[in-house]
PDB file of N, CA and C in Angstrom:
ATOM      1  N   MET A   1      22.466 227.124 298.425  1.00  0.00           N
ATOM      2  CA  MET A   1      21.566 226.065 297.743  1.00  0.00           C
ATOM      3  C   MET A   1      21.148 226.628 296.354  1.00  0.00           C
ATOM      4  N   ALA A   2      21.533 226.169 295.325  1.00  0.00           N
ATOM      5  CA  ALA A   2      21.105 226.855 294.036  1.00  0.00           C
ATOM      6  C   ALA A   2      20.063 225.933 293.716  1.00  0.00           C
ATOM      7  N   ASP A   3      19.457 226.420 292.211  1.00  0.00           N
ATOM      8  CA  ASP A   3      18.837 225.809 291.519  1.00  0.00           C
ATOM      9  C   ASP A   3      19.182 225.583 290.283  1.00  0.00           C
ATOM     10  N   VAL A   4      18.455 224.234 289.714  1.00  0.00           N
ATOM     11  CA  VAL A   4      19.145 224.051 288.630  1.00  0.00           C
ATOM     12  C   VAL A   4      18.046 223.823 287.560  1.00  0.00           C
ATOM     13  N   THR A   5      17.625 223.876 286.030  1.00  0.00           N
ATOM     14  CA  THR A   5      16.802 223.568 285.617  1.00  0.00           C
ATOM     15  C   THR A   5      17.188 222.446 284.309  1.00  0.00           C
ATOM     16  N   LEU A   6      16.544 221.424 284.510  1.00  0.00           N
ATOM     17  CA  LEU A   6      17.222 219.984 284.010  1.00  0.00           C
ATOM     18  C   LEU A   6      16.052 220.071 282.506  1.00  0.00           C
ATOM     19  N   THR A   7      16.216 219.935 281.602  1.00  0.00           N
ATOM     20  CA  THR A   7      15.247 219.413 280.671  1.00  0.00           C
ATOM     21  C   THR A   7      15.319 217.893 280.575  1.00  0.00           C
ATOM     22  N   ILE A   8      14.796 216.709 280.377  1.00  0.00           N
ATOM     23  CA  ILE A   8      14.648 215.887 279.712  1.00  0.00           C
ATOM     24  C   ILE A   8      13.554 214.889 279.439  1.00  0.00           C
ATOM     25  N   GLY A   9      13.406 214.525 278.660  1.00  0.00           N
ATOM     26  CA  GLY A   9      12.511 214.486 277.369  1.00  0.00           C
ATOM     27  C   GLY A   9      11.370 215.613 277.025  1.00  0.00           C
ATOM     28  N   GLY A  10      12.227 216.781 276.776  1.00  0.00           N
ATOM     29  CA  GLY A  10      11.308 217.574 276.778  1.00  0.00           C
ATOM     30  C   GLY A  10      10.434 218.275 277.861  1.00  0.00           C
ATOM     31  N   HIS A  11      10.728 217.623 278.983  1.00  0.00           N
ATOM     32  CA  HIS A  11      10.079 218.464 280.271  1.00  0.00           C
ATOM     33  C   HIS A  11      11.033 219.037 280.752  1.00  0.00           C
ATOM     34  N   ARG A  12      10.483 220.192 281.203  1.00  0.00           N
ATOM     35  CA  ARG A  12      11.732 221.043 282.390  1.00  0.00           C
ATOM     36  C   ARG A  12      11.394 220.335 283.737  1.00  0.00           C
ATOM     37  N   HIS A  13      12.548 220.409 284.671  1.00  0.00           N
ATOM     38  CA  HIS A  13      12.323 219.995 285.980  1.00  0.00           C
ATOM     39  C   HIS A  13      13.371 221.078 286.401  1.00  0.00           C
ATOM     40  N   ILE A  14      13.114 221.638 287.697  1.00  0.00           N
ATOM     41  CA  ILE A  14      13.585 222.737 288.833  1.00  0.00           C
ATOM     42  C   ILE A  14      14.537 221.588 289.965  1.00  0.00           C
ATOM     43  N   VAL A  15      15.546 221.210 290.009  1.00  0.00           N
ATOM     44  CA  VAL A  15      16.206 220.495 291.073  1.00  0.00           C
ATOM     45  C   VAL A  15      17.381 221.501 291.884  1.00  0.00           C
ATOM     46  N   ALA A  16      16.729 221.389 293.387  1.00  0.00           N
ATOM     47  CA  ALA A  16      17.805 222.128 294.044  1.00  0.00           C
ATOM     48  C   ALA A  16      18.930 221.108 294.483  1.00  0.00           C
ATOM     49  N   CYS A  17      20.659 221.507 294.309  1.00  0.00           N
ATOM     50  CA  CYS A  17      21.466 221.003 294.677  1.00  0.00           C
ATOM     51  C   CYS A  17      22.524 222.444 295.553  1.00  0.00           C
ATOM     52  N   ARG A  18      23.218 221.762 295.980  1.00  0.00           N
ATOM     53  CA  ARG A  18      24.215 222.750 296.697  1.00  0.00           C
ATOM     54  C   ARG A  18      24.955 223.645 296.218  1.00  0.00           C
ATOM     55  N   ASP A  19      25.539 224.479 296.471  1.00  0.00           N
ATOM     56  CA  ASP A  19      25.997 225.626 296.022  1.00  0.00           C
ATOM     57  C   ASP A  19      27.469 224.637 295.158  1.00  0.00           C
ATOM     58  N   GLY A  20      27.864 225.449 294.028  1.00  0.00           N
ATOM     59  CA  GLY A  20      28.789 224.492 293.015  1.00  0.00           C
ATOM     60  C   GLY A  20      28.817 223.133 292.380  1.00  0.00           C
ATOM     61  N   GLU A  21      27.959 222.425 292.609  1.00  0.00           N
ATOM     62  CA  GLU A  21      27.836 220.953 292.272  1.00  0.00           C
ATOM     63  C   GLU A  21      26.317 221.297 290.958  1.00  0.00           C
ATOM     64  N   GLU A  22      25.933 222.503 290.568  1.00  0.00           N
ATOM     65  CA  GLU A  22      25.503 223.166 289.172  1.00  0.00           C
ATOM     66  C   GLU A  22      25.767 222.162 288.195  1.00  0.00           C
ATOM     67  N   ASP A  23      26.956 222.385 288.218  1.00  0.00           N
ATOM     68  CA  ASP A  23      27.375 221.969 286.700  1.00  0.00           C
ATOM     69  C   ASP A  23      27.886 220.225 286.489  1.00  0.00           C
ATOM     70  N   GLN A  24      27.793 219.741 287.782  1.00  0.00           N
ATOM     71  CA  GLN A  24      27.708 217.826 287.683  1.00  0.00           C
ATOM     72  C   GLN A  24      26.299 217.813 287.479  1.00  0.00           C
ATOM     73  N   LEU A  25      25.434 218.324 288.351  1.00  0.00           N
ATOM     74  CA  LEU A  25      23.710 217.819 287.998  1.00  0.00           C
ATOM     75  C   LEU A  25      23.561 217.952 286.726  1.00  0.00           C
ATOM     76  N   LEU A  26      23.799 218.980 285.894  1.00  0.00           N
ATOM     77  CA  LEU A  26      23.702 219.876 284.757  1.00  0.00           C
ATOM     78  C   LEU A  26      24.262 218.532 283.227  1.00  0.00           C
ATOM     79  N   ARG A  27      25.093 217.945 284.098  1.00  0.00           N
ATOM     80  CA  ARG A  27      26.281 216.826 283.151  1.00  0.00           C
ATOM     81  C   ARG A  27      25.010 215.596 283.309  1.00  0.00           C
ATOM     82  N   VAL A  28      24.203 215.054 284.485  1.00  0.00           N
ATOM     83  CA  VAL A  28      23.698 214.257 284.588  1.00  0.00           C
ATOM     84  C   VAL A  28      22.663 214.131 284.290  1.00  0.00           C
ATOM     85  N   GLY A  29      22.246 215.541 284.079  1.00  0.00           N
ATOM     86  CA  GLY A  29      20.403 215.838 283.692  1.00  0.00           C
ATOM     87  C   GLY A  29      20.957 215.383 281.854  1.00  0.00           C
ATOM     88  N   VAL A  30      21.902 216.038 281.544  1.00  0.00           N
ATOM     89  CA  VAL A  30      22.322 215.624 280.227  1.00  0.00           C
ATOM     90  C   VAL A  30      22.294 214.104 279.716  1.00  0.00           C
ATOM     91  N   LEU A  31      22.945 213.146 280.711  1.00  0.00           N
ATOM     92  CA  LEU A  31      23.050 211.757 280.922  1.00  0.00           C
ATOM     93  C   LEU A  31      21.772 211.655 280.810  1.00  0.00           C
ATOM     94  N   LEU A  32      21.222 211.889 281.366  1.00  0.00           N
ATOM     95  CA  LEU A  32      19.486 211.449 281.536  1.00  0.00           C
ATOM     96  C   LEU A  32      18.869 211.436 280.299  1.00  0.00           C
ATOM     97  N   ASP A  33      18.720 212.887 279.940  1.00  0.00           N
ATOM     98  CA  ASP A  33      18.036 213.241 278.273  1.00  0.00           C
ATOM     99  C   ASP A  33      18.674 211.893 277.260  1.00  0.00           C
ATOM    100  N   SER A  34      19.993 211.928 277.333  1.00  0.00           N
ATOM    101  CA  SER A  34      20.164 211.677 276.361  1.00  0.00           C
ATOM    102  C   SER A  34      19.297 209.953 276.021  1.00  0.00           C
ATOM    103  N   ARG A  35      19.075 209.208 276.994  1.00  0.00           N
ATOM    104  CA  ARG A  35      18.297 207.933 277.325  1.00  0.00           C
ATOM    105  C   ARG A  35      17.150 208.195 277.055  1.00  0.00           C
ATOM    106  N   TRP A  36      16.857 208.904 277.365  1.00  0.00           N
ATOM    107  CA  TRP A  36      15.388 209.375 276.887  1.00  0.00           C
ATOM    108  C   TRP A  36      14.418 208.710 276.045  1.00  0.00           C
ATOM    109  N   SER A  37      14.849 208.864 274.783  1.00  0.00           N
ATOM    110  CA  SER A  37      14.243 208.620 273.359  1.00  0.00           C
ATOM    111  C   SER A  37      14.087 207.187 273.807  1.00  0.00           C
ATOM    112  N   SER A  38      15.508 206.205 274.209  1.00  0.00           N
ATOM    113  CA  SER A  38      15.259 205.130 273.745  1.00  0.00           C
ATOM    114  C   SER A  38      14.363 204.527 275.021  1.00  0.00           C
ATOM    115  N   ALA A  39      14.237 205.148 276.045  1.00  0.00           N
ATOM    116  CA  ALA A  39      13.781 204.620 277.152  1.00  0.00           C
ATOM    117  C   ALA A  39      12.219 204.849 276.604  1.00  0.00           C
ATOM    118  N   ALA A  40      12.161 205.702 276.161  1.00  0.00           N
ATOM    119  CA  ALA A  40      10.348 205.970 275.897  1.00  0.00           C
ATOM    120  C   ALA A  40      10.016 205.053 275.007  1.00  0.00           C
ATOM    121  N   ARG A  41      10.591 204.209 273.957  1.00  0.00           N
ATOM    122  CA  ARG A  41      10.520 203.479 273.157  1.00  0.00           C
ATOM    123  C   ARG A  41      10.375 201.881 274.155  1.00  0.00           C
ATOM    124  N   ALA A  42      10.970 201.944 274.942  1.00  0.00           N
ATOM    125  CA  ALA A  42      11.045 200.473 275.582  1.00  0.00           C
ATOM    126  C   ALA A  42      10.022 200.491 276.282  1.00  0.00           C
ATOM    127  N   SER A  43       9.617 201.227 277.092  1.00  0.00           N
ATOM    128  CA  SER A  43       8.377 201.480 277.954  1.00  0.00           C
ATOM    129  C   SER A  43       6.864 201.625 277.243  1.00  0.00           C
ATOM    130  N   GLY A  44       7.107 201.744 275.428  1.00  0.00           N
ATOM    131  CA  GLY A  44       5.882 201.923 274.900  1.00  0.00           C
ATOM    132  C   GLY A  44       5.209 203.031 274.965  1.00  0.00           C
ATOM    133  N   GLY A  45       6.104 203.852 275.621  1.00  0.00           N
ATOM    134  CA  GLY A  45       5.409 205.420 275.327  1.00  0.00           C
ATOM    135  C   GLY A  45       4.037 205.421 276.888  1.00  0.00           C
ATOM    136  N   VAL A  46       3.657 204.370 277.880  1.00  0.00           N
ATOM    137  CA  VAL A  46       2.734 204.647 278.473  1.00  0.00           C
ATOM    138  C   VAL A  46       3.285 205.511 279.328  1.00  0.00           C
ATOM    139  N   GLY A  47       4.219 206.698 279.342  1.00  0.00           N
ATOM    140  CA  GLY A  47       4.229 207.619 280.424  1.00  0.00           C
ATOM    141  C   GLY A  47       5.466 208.072 281.180  1.00  0.00           C
ATOM    142  N   GLY A  48       5.921 209.141 281.506  1.00  0.00           N
ATOM    143  CA  GLY A  48       7.106 209.759 282.041  1.00  0.00           C
ATOM    144  C   GLY A  48       7.628 208.815 283.058  1.00  0.00           C
ATOM    145  N   GLU A  49       6.821 208.411 283.978  1.00  0.00           N
ATOM    146  CA  GLU A  49       7.676 207.339 285.436  1.00  0.00           C
ATOM    147  C   GLU A  49       8.140 206.476 284.894  1.00  0.00           C
ATOM    148  N   ARG A  50       7.564 205.491 283.460  1.00  0.00           N
ATOM    149  CA  ARG A  50       7.849 204.129 283.680  1.00  0.00           C
ATOM    150  C   ARG A  50       9.160 204.563 282.673  1.00  0.00           C
ATOM    151  N   ALA A  51       9.166 205.212 281.656  1.00  0.00           N
ATOM    152  CA  ALA A  51      10.299 205.521 280.687  1.00  0.00           C
ATOM    153  C   ALA A  51      11.278 206.264 282.033  1.00  0.00           C
ATOM    154  N   MET A  52      11.380 206.504 282.878  1.00  0.00           N
ATOM    155  CA  MET A  52      12.722 206.980 283.975  1.00  0.00           C
ATOM    156  C   MET A  52      13.315 205.888 284.615  1.00  0.00           C
ATOM    157  N   LEU A  53      12.112 204.668 284.505  1.00  0.00           N
ATOM    158  CA  LEU A  53      12.442 203.566 285.156  1.00  0.00           C
ATOM    159  C   LEU A  53      13.442 203.131 284.424  1.00  0.00           C
ATOM    160  N   PHE A  54      13.193 203.093 282.896  1.00  0.00           N
ATOM    161  CA  PHE A  54      14.019 202.516 281.843  1.00  0.00           C
ATOM    162  C   PHE A  54      15.568 203.385 282.035  1.00  0.00           C
ATOM    163  N   VAL A  55      15.486 204.429 281.854  1.00  0.00           N
ATOM    164  CA  VAL A  55      16.278 204.991 282.048  1.00  0.00           C
ATOM    165  C   VAL A  55      17.296 204.758 282.990  1.00  0.00           C
ATOM    166  N   ALA A  56      16.690 204.436 284.353  1.00  0.00           N
ATOM    167  CA  ALA A  56      17.433 204.243 285.506  1.00  0.00           C
ATOM    168  C   ALA A  56      18.127 202.529 285.295  1.00  0.00           C
ATOM    169  N   LEU A  57      17.245 201.843 284.577  1.00  0.00           N
ATOM    170  CA  LEU A  57      17.686 201.033 284.404  1.00  0.00           C
ATOM    171  C   LEU A  57      19.078 200.634 283.398  1.00  0.00           C
ATOM    172  N   MET A  58      18.634 201.514 282.053  1.00  0.00           N
ATOM    173  CA  MET A  58      20.182 201.654 281.657  1.00  0.00           C
ATOM    174  C   MET A  58      21.398 201.807 282.160  1.00  0.00           C
ATOM    175  N   LEU A  59      20.833 202.816 282.820  1.00  0.00           N
ATOM    176  CA  LEU A  59      22.457 203.724 283.518  1.00  0.00           C
ATOM    177  C   LEU A  59      22.844 202.143 284.917  1.00  0.00           C
ATOM    178  N   ALA A  60      22.116 201.665 285.275  1.00  0.00           N
ATOM    179  CA  ALA A  60      22.422 200.557 286.026  1.00  0.00           C
ATOM    180  C   ALA A  60      23.267 199.964 285.567  1.00  0.00           C
ATOM    181  N   ASP A  61      22.611 199.264 284.691  1.00  0.00           N
ATOM    182  CA  ASP A  61      23.397 197.653 283.679  1.00  0.00           C
ATOM    183  C   ASP A  61      24.704 198.793 283.329  1.00  0.00           C
ATOM    184  N   ASP A  62      25.205 199.553 282.835  1.00  0.00           N
ATOM    185  CA  ASP A  62      26.503 200.357 282.540  1.00  0.00           C
ATOM    186  C   ASP A  62      26.948 200.623 283.891  1.00  0.00           C
ATOM    187  N   LEU A  63      26.490 200.787 284.488  1.00  0.00           N
ATOM    188  CA  LEU A  63      27.369 200.862 285.733  1.00  0.00           C
ATOM    189  C   LEU A  63      27.852 199.809 286.168  1.00  0.00           C
ATOM    190  N   HIS A  64      26.837 198.678 286.498  1.00  0.00           N
ATOM    191  CA  HIS A  64      27.521 197.019 286.308  1.00  0.00           C
ATOM    192  C   HIS A  64      28.517 196.555 285.686  1.00  0.00           C
ATOM    193  N   ASP A  65      27.967 196.732 284.606  1.00  0.00           N
ATOM    194  CA  ASP A  65      29.529 196.633 283.470  1.00  0.00           C
ATOM    195  C   ASP A  65      30.517 197.280 283.548  1.00  0.00           C
ATOM    196  N   ALA A  66      30.836 198.542 284.174  1.00  0.00           N
ATOM    197  CA  ALA A  66      32.093 199.344 284.353  1.00  0.00           C
ATOM    198  C   ALA A  66      32.786 199.161 285.629  1.00  0.00           C
ATOM    199  N   GLN A  67      31.453 198.649 286.709  1.00  0.00           N
ATOM    200  CA  GLN A  67      32.346 197.721 287.732  1.00  0.00           C
ATOM    201  C   GLN A  67      32.823 196.942 288.015  1.00  0.00           C
ATOM    202  N   ASN A  68      32.617 195.429 286.834  1.00  0.00           N
ATOM    203  CA  ASN A  68      32.978 194.207 286.546  1.00  0.00           C
ATOM    204  C   ASN A  68      34.182 194.233 285.518  1.00  0.00           C
ATOM    205  N   ARG A  69      33.975 195.117 284.698  1.00  0.00           N
ATOM    206  CA  ARG A  69      35.413 195.642 283.716  1.00  0.00           C
ATOM    207  C   ARG A  69      36.494 195.580 284.335  1.00  0.00           C
ATOM    208  N   LEU A  70      37.734 194.620 283.858  1.00  0.00           N
ATOM    209  CA  LEU A  70      38.959 194.426 283.807  1.00  0.00           C
ATOM    210  C   LEU A  70      39.535 195.621 283.808  1.00  0.00           C
ATOM    211  N   PRO A  71      40.710 195.627 284.569  1.00  0.00           N
ATOM    212  CA  PRO A  71      41.260 197.038 283.987  1.00  0.00           C
ATOM    213  C   PRO A  71      41.867 196.913 282.583  1.00  0.00           C
ATOM    214  N   GLU A  72      42.130 197.296 281.931  1.00  0.00           N
ATOM    215  CA  GLU A  72      42.692 197.312 280.330  1.00  0.00           C
ATOM    216  C   GLU A  72      44.078 197.197 280.763  1.00  0.00           C
ATOM    217  N   GLY A  73      44.385 196.210 279.675  1.00  0.00           N
ATOM    218  CA  GLY A  73      45.889 195.689 280.167  1.00  0.00           C
ATOM    219  C   GLY A  73      46.152 194.594 281.086  1.00  0.00           C
ATOM    220  N   ALA A  74      44.781 194.095 281.450  1.00  0.00           N
ATOM    221  CA  ALA A  74      44.728 192.543 282.452  1.00  0.00           C
ATOM    222  C   ALA A  74      45.323 191.417 281.592  1.00  0.00           C
ATOM    223  N   PRO A  75      46.128 190.555 282.376  1.00  0.00           N
ATOM    224  CA  PRO A  75      46.476 189.563 281.450  1.00  0.00           C
ATOM    225  C   PRO A  75      45.386 188.689 281.403  1.00  0.00           C
ATOM    226  N   THR A  76      45.092 188.143 280.047  1.00  0.00           N
ATOM    227  CA  THR A  76      43.937 187.285 279.932  1.00  0.00           C
ATOM    228  C   THR A  76      43.720 186.073 280.958  1.00  0.00           C
ATOM    229  N   GLY A  77      42.325 185.856 281.338  1.00  0.00           N
ATOM    230  CA  GLY A  77      42.112 184.662 282.442  1.00  0.00           C
ATOM    231  C   GLY A  77      41.754 185.273 283.653  1.00  0.00           C
ATOM    232  N   VAL A  78      42.112 186.857 283.419  1.00  0.00           N
ATOM    233  CA  VAL A  78      42.116 187.263 284.850  1.00  0.00           C
ATOM    234  C   VAL A  78      40.543 187.560 285.503  1.00  0.00           C
ATOM    235  N   THR A  79      40.003 187.298 286.474  1.00  0.00           N
ATOM    236  CA  THR A  79      38.361 188.065 286.880  1.00  0.00           C
ATOM    237  C   THR A  79      38.568 188.679 287.404  1.00  0.00           C
ATOM    238  N   ALA A  80      37.556 189.510 288.086  1.00  0.00           N
ATOM    239  CA  ALA A  80      37.544 190.540 288.838  1.00  0.00           C
ATOM    240  C   ALA A  80      37.564 190.187 289.933  1.00  0.00           C
ATOM    241  N   GLU A  81      36.525 188.384 290.206  1.00  0.00           N
ATOM    242  CA  GLU A  81      37.023 187.861 291.447  1.00  0.00           C
ATOM    243  C   GLU A  81      38.576 187.673 292.231  1.00  0.00           C
ATOM    244  N   TRP A  82      39.798 187.349 290.529  1.00  0.00           N
ATOM    245  CA  TRP A  82      40.758 186.984 291.294  1.00  0.00           C
ATOM    246  C   TRP A  82      41.498 187.956 291.575  1.00  0.00           C
ATOM    247  N   LEU A  83      40.978 189.850 290.847  1.00  0.00           N
ATOM    248  CA  LEU A  83      41.510 190.431 291.588  1.00  0.00           C
ATOM    249  C   LEU A  83      41.476 190.902 292.702  1.00  0.00           C
ATOM    250  N   GLU A  84      40.189 190.922 293.557  1.00  0.00           N
ATOM    251  CA  GLU A  84      39.567 190.594 294.575  1.00  0.00           C
ATOM    252  C   GLU A  84      40.426 189.981 295.600  1.00  0.00           C
ATOM    253  N   ASN A  85      40.713 188.527 294.953  1.00  0.00           N
ATOM    254  CA  ASN A  85      41.544 187.704 295.796  1.00  0.00           C
ATOM    255  C   ASN A  85      42.908 188.261 296.371  1.00  0.00           C
ATOM    256  N   LEU A  86      43.426 189.051 295.323  1.00  0.00           N
ATOM    257  CA  LEU A  86      44.832 189.288 295.055  1.00  0.00           C
ATOM    258  C   LEU A  86      44.692 190.446 295.726  1.00  0.00           C
ATOM    259  N   ALA A  87      43.910 191.905 295.847  1.00  0.00           N
ATOM    260  CA  ALA A  87      44.185 192.447 296.908  1.00  0.00           C
ATOM    261  C   ALA A  87      43.554 192.503 298.219  1.00  0.00           C
ATOM    262  N   ASP A  88      43.112 191.228 298.579  1.00  0.00           N
ATOM    263  CA  ASP A  88      42.904 190.371 300.312  1.00  0.00           C
ATOM    264  C   ASP A  88      44.022 190.211 300.772  1.00  0.00           C
ATOM    265  N   ARG A  89      44.681 189.414 300.037  1.00  0.00           N
ATOM    266  CA  ARG A  89      45.791 189.068 300.273  1.00  0.00           C
ATOM    267  C   ARG A  89      47.107 190.109 300.514  1.00  0.00           C
ATOM    268  N   LEU A  90      47.004 190.840 299.352  1.00  0.00           N
ATOM    269  CA  LEU A  90      47.951 191.962 299.739  1.00  0.00           C
ATOM    270  C   LEU A  90      47.413 193.166 300.538  1.00  0.00           C
ATOM    271  N   GLU A  91      46.805 193.127 301.237  1.00  0.00           N
ATOM    272  CA  GLU A  91      45.917 194.144 302.324  1.00  0.00           C
ATOM    273  C   GLU A  91      46.803 193.571 303.399  1.00  0.00           C
ATOM    274  N   ALA A  92      46.708 191.958 303.480  1.00  0.00           N
ATOM    275  CA  ALA A  92      46.924 190.827 304.793  1.00  0.00           C
ATOM    276  C   ALA A  92      48.473 190.906 304.766  1.00  0.00           C
ATOM    277  N   LEU A  93      49.311 190.482 303.843  1.00  0.00           N
ATOM    278  CA  LEU A  93      50.566 190.987 303.488  1.00  0.00           C
ATOM    279  C   LEU A  93      51.392 192.633 304.534  1.00  0.00           C
ATOM    280  N   ALA A  94      50.057 193.466 303.878  1.00  0.00           N
ATOM    281  CA  ALA A  94      50.699 195.083 304.475  1.00  0.00           C
ATOM    282  C   ALA A  94      50.601 194.610 305.919  1.00  0.00           C
ATOM    283  N   GLY A  95      49.558 194.009 306.477  1.00  0.00           N
ATOM    284  CA  GLY A  95      49.226 194.145 307.652  1.00  0.00           C
ATOM    285  C   GLY A  95      50.462 193.111 308.932  1.00  0.00           C
ATOM    286  N   SER A  96      50.659 192.725 307.946  1.00  0.00           N
ATOM    287  CA  SER A  96      51.579 191.497 308.464  1.00  0.00           C
ATOM    288  C   SER A  96      52.923 192.313 308.688  1.00  0.00           C
ATOM    289  N   LEU A  97      53.145 193.208 307.669  1.00  0.00           N
ATOM    290  CA  LEU A  97      54.912 193.463 307.665  1.00  0.00           C
ATOM    291  C   LEU A  97      54.625 194.834 308.633  1.00  0.00           C
ATOM    292  N   GLU A  98      53.476 196.037 308.805  1.00  0.00           N
ATOM    293  CA  GLU A  98      53.005 196.879 309.979  1.00  0.00           C
ATOM    294  C   GLU A  98      53.348 196.197 311.067  1.00  0.00           C
ATOM    295  N   ASN A  99      53.274 194.989 311.481  1.00  0.00           N
ATOM    296  CA  ASN A  99      53.068 194.160 312.516  1.00  0.00           C
ATOM    297  C   ASN A  99      54.624 193.832 312.719  1.00  0.00           C
TER     298      ASN A  99
END
């Protein structure tokens, strides 16, 4: 196990991680810290816990947008639901070809 020190919102946090995961944890810490000032303003400066909640909400919103974004170059009018249906049909076709 390795210990990594993250600085988020001017506060240092020591976090344990598996060996080899230190760089990824540091990158995530930088991402959290980059959102801290906006989150602190949004929380009204009430405290670290509430600001961290706002950081989590901002990142969850970004993740949701990324998961629902269509691939670049997708034809106009194609929705994520349409792509999922297409994938299901292709999997069913592949299954029938295997049999």
